[in-house]
Amino acid sequence: MSRYELMKIELYKLMRKKVIAVLLFINLLSFMYAMALRFKWSFVSVTLDGFSVVNFASSMWAIVFIFGVPLFVLLFLSAGLLAGERTEGQLLLAVTRVADRSKVLDGKFWAVTAMATLFCIVNLMSSVIAFYLFIYGTDYALPVRFDYSLLSEIIQIIGVYVFMLLLCHLVLLCSTKFSMIISVVLVLLLYALCSILNYIPGIQYASPGYWAVNSLELPSETAVLLLQAGINLVLFILVIRRSRSVFKEIDL
């Protein structure tokens, strides 16, 4: 069985979880916010002059991530692929059928990557649709400016996605040794630590996370972008390599 086939199987397991409905519901928040702007609901206040479609999408994507619930759900689902199946005995069955632990683990990593990517795409598409349904044509709608500010907003979207994906991969690494709950808690603690490091001058640029690439002043801060890209690439490689090493040694 190929890695691609294993990924499809693992992705199918994830999509069958009822908690996926929470992620789909959260993606509707952009519609609610856009409707509130359109109909001037009193509980919504806007500190900006308005939104372009890219600015609205990046703002909604960042808000959803900061909200915390989607991240917790994604971490919970990711940890369940290893720690949950190991507890239930399904992991032993999967390894026995495939006879190659690295393929089983790669299938889970690719499934988590596909799930996080799908969530990101659906969220951005929802924001774009909501913008053109409710905000476009109002006083809040602004044209897209094709300059460095547009590039900065796109980088912010990618930065949030990459950090979310890194945390999902880290919880997979933790779940090779620990239970599902402990793995999620450890990664959430790491997330809290990274958010604290963001407030320390200098260190914030070397700390993994989307904060370092949030509202970059391009092109003057291109070095920060390159530094973050390098740090995240190294972390992804280390997490995957360490996960393979530990997964080969654990007793199922």
Protein backbone atom coordinates (compact mmCIF):
# COMPACT_ATOMS: atom_id res chain seq x y z
CA MET A 1 0.00 0.00 0.00
CA SER A 2 1.44 3.37 -1.07
CA ARG A 3 1.82 6.44 1.11
CA TYR A 4 -0.84 8.21 -0.96
CA GLU A 5 -3.37 5.44 -0.32
CA LEU A 6 -2.53 5.49 3.38
CA MET A 7 -3.01 9.27 3.43
CA LYS A 8 -6.49 8.90 1.90
CA ILE A 9 -7.42 6.31 4.52
CA GLU A 10 -6.21 8.52 7.37
CA LEU A 11 -7.93 11.58 5.90
CA TYR A 12 -11.17 9.60 5.63
CA LYS A 13 -10.87 8.72 9.34
CA LEU A 14 -10.46 12.39 10.21
CA MET A 15 -13.40 13.52 8.10
CA ARG A 16 -15.68 10.99 9.80
CA LYS A 17 -15.13 12.63 13.19
CA LYS A 18 -18.17 14.61 14.31
CA VAL A 19 -15.94 17.38 15.68
CA ILE A 20 -15.16 18.33 12.05
CA ALA A 21 -18.55 20.05 12.10
CA VAL A 22 -17.10 22.54 14.59
CA LEU A 23 -14.46 23.58 12.06
CA LEU A 24 -17.08 24.00 9.35
CA PHE A 25 -19.27 26.09 11.65
CA ILE A 26 -16.37 28.35 12.64
CA ASN A 27 -15.73 29.09 8.98
CA LEU A 28 -19.18 30.70 8.92
CA LEU A 29 -17.98 33.46 11.27
CA SER A 30 -16.82 35.51 8.30
CA PHE A 31 -20.40 35.53 6.99
CA MET A 32 -21.72 36.67 10.36
CA TYR A 33 -19.16 39.47 10.60
CA ALA A 34 -19.76 40.59 7.02
CA MET A 35 -23.53 40.62 7.62
CA ALA A 36 -23.00 42.67 10.77
CA LEU A 37 -21.10 45.27 8.75
CA ARG A 38 -23.67 45.27 5.98
CA PHE A 39 -26.65 45.74 8.27
CA LYS A 40 -24.76 47.89 10.81
CA TRP A 41 -25.43 45.71 13.82
CA SER A 42 -24.57 47.63 16.97
CA PHE A 43 -22.33 44.99 18.59
CA VAL A 44 -19.74 45.25 15.79
CA SER A 45 -17.23 48.09 15.74
CA VAL A 46 -14.68 48.74 13.00
CA THR A 47 -11.41 50.49 13.79
CA LEU A 48 -10.24 50.52 10.16
CA ASP A 49 -11.42 52.71 7.33
CA GLY A 50 -12.58 49.57 5.55
CA PHE A 51 -11.46 46.27 4.07
CA SER A 52 -10.17 45.07 0.75
CA VAL A 53 -11.07 41.47 -0.03
CA VAL A 54 -7.52 40.35 0.82
CA ASN A 55 -7.44 42.36 4.04
CA PHE A 56 -10.82 40.96 5.10
CA ALA A 57 -9.75 37.38 4.37
CA SER A 58 -6.45 37.75 6.25
CA SER A 59 -8.20 39.40 9.22
CA MET A 60 -10.83 36.65 9.47
CA TRP A 61 -8.17 33.95 9.15
CA ALA A 62 -6.08 35.48 11.95
CA ILE A 63 -9.15 35.93 14.18
CA VAL A 64 -10.20 32.31 13.70
CA PHE A 65 -6.71 31.14 14.69
CA ILE A 66 -6.48 33.43 17.72
CA PHE A 67 -9.97 32.31 18.75
CA GLY A 68 -8.28 29.04 19.74
CA VAL A 69 -11.10 26.55 19.20
CA PRO A 70 -10.06 25.55 15.64
CA LEU A 71 -6.47 25.02 16.78
CA PHE A 72 -7.61 22.85 19.70
CA VAL A 73 -9.84 20.78 17.39
CA LEU A 74 -7.04 20.29 14.86
CA LEU A 75 -4.59 19.29 17.60
CA PHE A 76 -7.13 16.90 19.10
CA LEU A 77 -7.76 15.23 15.73
CA SER A 78 -4.04 15.04 14.93
CA ALA A 79 -3.15 13.48 18.29
CA GLY A 80 -5.93 10.94 17.86
CA LEU A 81 -4.27 9.53 14.75
CA LEU A 82 -1.39 8.17 16.82
CA ALA A 83 -2.09 8.26 20.56
CA GLY A 84 -5.79 7.51 20.17
CA GLU A 85 -5.27 4.60 17.77
CA ARG A 86 -2.43 3.22 19.88
CA THR A 87 -4.72 3.10 22.91
CA GLU A 88 -7.52 1.44 20.93
CA GLY A 89 -5.19 -1.09 19.29
CA GLN A 90 -5.88 0.15 15.76
CA LEU A 91 -2.30 1.33 15.27
CA LEU A 92 -0.92 -2.18 15.74
CA LEU A 93 -3.36 -3.46 13.13
CA ALA A 94 -2.31 -0.74 10.66
CA VAL A 95 1.40 -1.48 11.12
CA THR A 96 0.76 -5.23 10.78
CA ARG A 97 -1.09 -4.72 7.48
CA VAL A 98 1.44 -2.36 5.92
CA ALA A 99 4.60 -3.85 7.47
CA ASP A 100 6.40 -0.50 7.10
CA ARG A 101 6.10 1.89 10.02
CA SER A 102 7.52 4.82 8.09
CA LYS A 103 4.72 4.55 5.51
CA VAL A 104 2.07 4.48 8.24
CA LEU A 105 3.55 7.55 9.92
CA ASP A 106 3.98 9.42 6.63
CA GLY A 107 0.35 8.72 5.78
CA LYS A 108 -0.72 10.33 9.05
CA PHE A 109 1.52 13.37 8.54
CA TRP A 110 0.16 13.89 5.02
CA ALA A 111 -3.42 13.46 6.23
CA VAL A 112 -2.94 16.10 8.94
CA THR A 113 -1.34 18.41 6.37
CA ALA A 114 -4.25 17.89 3.97
CA MET A 115 -6.82 18.52 6.73
CA ALA A 116 -5.15 21.76 7.87
CA THR A 117 -4.76 22.92 4.27
CA LEU A 118 -8.41 22.17 3.50
CA PHE A 119 -9.50 24.10 6.58
CA CYS A 120 -7.41 27.08 5.50
CA ILE A 121 -8.76 27.04 1.93
CA VAL A 122 -12.39 26.73 3.05
CA ASN A 123 -11.90 29.58 5.53
CA LEU A 124 -10.38 31.89 2.92
CA MET A 125 -13.03 31.01 0.34
CA SER A 126 -15.78 31.69 2.90
CA SER A 127 -14.27 35.10 3.65
CA VAL A 128 -14.03 36.01 -0.04
CA ILE A 129 -17.63 34.96 -0.69
CA ALA A 130 -18.84 36.80 2.42
CA PHE A 131 -16.99 39.94 1.33
CA TYR A 132 -18.60 40.05 -2.11
CA LEU A 133 -22.04 39.12 -0.77
CA PHE A 134 -22.26 41.63 2.07
CA ILE A 135 -19.38 44.13 2.11
CA TYR A 136 -18.72 44.86 -1.54
CA GLY A 137 -20.58 47.98 -2.58
CA THR A 138 -20.76 49.41 0.95
CA ASP A 139 -18.68 52.15 2.56
CA TYR A 140 -16.51 49.47 4.17
CA ALA A 141 -15.27 48.07 0.84
CA LEU A 142 -11.87 49.22 -0.34
CA PRO A 143 -10.05 48.35 -3.57
CA VAL A 144 -7.10 45.98 -3.48
CA ARG A 145 -3.81 47.88 -3.46
CA PHE A 146 -1.15 46.07 -5.47
CA ASP A 147 1.83 47.08 -3.37
CA TYR A 148 3.93 45.76 -0.49
CA SER A 149 0.95 45.97 1.88
CA LEU A 150 -0.83 43.34 -0.23
CA LEU A 151 2.24 41.10 -0.10
CA SER A 152 2.41 41.60 3.67
CA GLU A 153 -1.20 40.45 4.09
CA ILE A 154 -0.60 37.36 1.96
CA ILE A 155 2.49 36.55 4.04
CA GLN A 156 0.39 36.90 7.20
CA ILE A 157 -2.11 34.35 5.86
CA ILE A 158 0.69 31.93 5.01
CA GLY A 159 2.39 32.57 8.37
CA VAL A 160 -0.71 31.62 10.35
CA TYR A 161 -1.16 28.49 8.21
CA VAL A 162 2.46 27.38 8.58
CA PHE A 163 2.45 27.86 12.36
CA MET A 164 -0.84 25.98 12.71
CA LEU A 165 0.54 23.13 10.60
CA LEU A 166 3.77 23.06 12.63
CA LEU A 167 1.77 22.71 15.86
CA CYS A 168 -0.26 19.86 14.33
CA HIS A 169 2.97 18.09 13.35
CA LEU A 170 4.40 18.66 16.82
CA VAL A 171 1.36 17.07 18.45
CA LEU A 172 1.91 14.04 16.22
CA LEU A 173 5.49 13.86 17.48
CA CYS A 174 4.34 14.10 21.10
CA SER A 175 1.66 11.45 20.57
CA THR A 176 4.30 8.89 19.57
CA LYS A 177 5.19 8.75 23.28
CA PHE A 178 2.40 10.36 25.27
CA SER A 179 -1.36 10.08 25.53
CA MET A 180 -3.66 12.20 23.40
CA ILE A 181 -4.54 14.65 26.18
CA ILE A 182 -0.95 15.11 27.36
CA SER A 183 0.23 15.64 23.78
CA VAL A 184 -2.36 18.37 23.17
CA VAL A 185 -1.56 20.08 26.48
CA LEU A 186 2.18 20.06 25.77
CA VAL A 187 1.72 21.67 22.37
CA LEU A 188 -0.69 24.27 23.76
CA LEU A 189 1.92 25.14 26.39
CA LEU A 190 4.47 25.55 23.61
CA TYR A 191 2.03 27.80 21.78
CA ALA A 192 1.67 29.93 24.93
CA LEU A 193 5.47 30.11 25.28
CA CYS A 194 5.88 31.29 21.68
CA SER A 195 3.25 33.97 22.24
CA ILE A 196 5.17 35.20 25.31
CA LEU A 197 8.47 35.26 23.41
CA ASN A 198 6.77 37.50 20.89
CA TYR A 199 6.90 40.34 23.43
CA ILE A 200 10.66 40.06 23.97
CA PRO A 201 12.53 42.43 21.62
CA GLY A 202 14.91 40.64 19.28
CA ILE A 203 13.87 37.13 20.30
CA GLN A 204 10.48 37.60 18.66
CA TYR A 205 12.06 37.43 15.21
CA ALA A 206 13.72 34.06 15.93
CA SER A 207 10.71 32.53 17.69
CA PRO A 208 8.50 30.27 15.55
CA GLY A 209 5.03 31.61 15.00
CA TYR A 210 3.07 33.94 12.80
CA TRP A 211 3.70 36.94 15.06
CA ALA A 212 7.13 37.62 13.56
CA VAL A 213 5.67 37.92 10.05
CA ASN A 214 2.55 39.79 11.11
CA SER A 215 2.43 43.25 9.50
CA LEU A 216 5.95 43.10 8.09
CA GLU A 217 7.29 46.34 6.70
CA LEU A 218 8.48 45.14 3.31
CA PRO A 219 10.97 45.33 1.73
CA SER A 220 12.96 46.63 4.73
CA GLU A 221 12.15 43.55 6.85
CA THR A 222 12.77 40.92 4.19
CA ALA A 223 15.53 39.44 6.38
CA VAL A 224 12.94 38.61 9.07
CA LEU A 225 10.83 36.80 6.50
CA LEU A 226 13.81 34.76 5.28
CA LEU A 227 14.84 33.97 8.88
CA GLN A 228 11.34 32.71 9.71
CA ALA A 229 11.19 30.64 6.53
CA GLY A 230 14.50 28.99 7.42
CA ILE A 231 13.53 28.35 11.05
CA ASN A 232 10.20 26.80 10.11
CA LEU A 233 11.77 24.61 7.42
CA VAL A 234 14.34 23.28 9.89
CA LEU A 235 11.65 22.65 12.52
CA PHE A 236 9.47 20.71 10.09
CA ILE A 237 12.41 18.52 9.07
CA LEU A 238 13.45 17.88 12.69
CA VAL A 239 9.89 17.06 13.81
CA ILE A 240 9.32 14.56 10.98
CA ARG A 241 12.74 12.91 11.37
CA ARG A 242 12.36 12.64 15.15
CA SER A 243 8.84 11.25 14.79
CA ARG A 244 10.09 8.53 12.44
CA SER A 245 12.90 7.64 14.82
CA VAL A 246 10.63 7.38 17.87
CA PHE A 247 7.84 5.59 15.98
CA LYS A 248 10.22 2.84 14.88
CA GLU A 249 11.22 2.14 18.49
CA ILE A 250 7.91 2.29 20.37
CA ASP A 251 6.23 -0.90 21.49
CA LEU A 252 2.74 -1.06 20.02
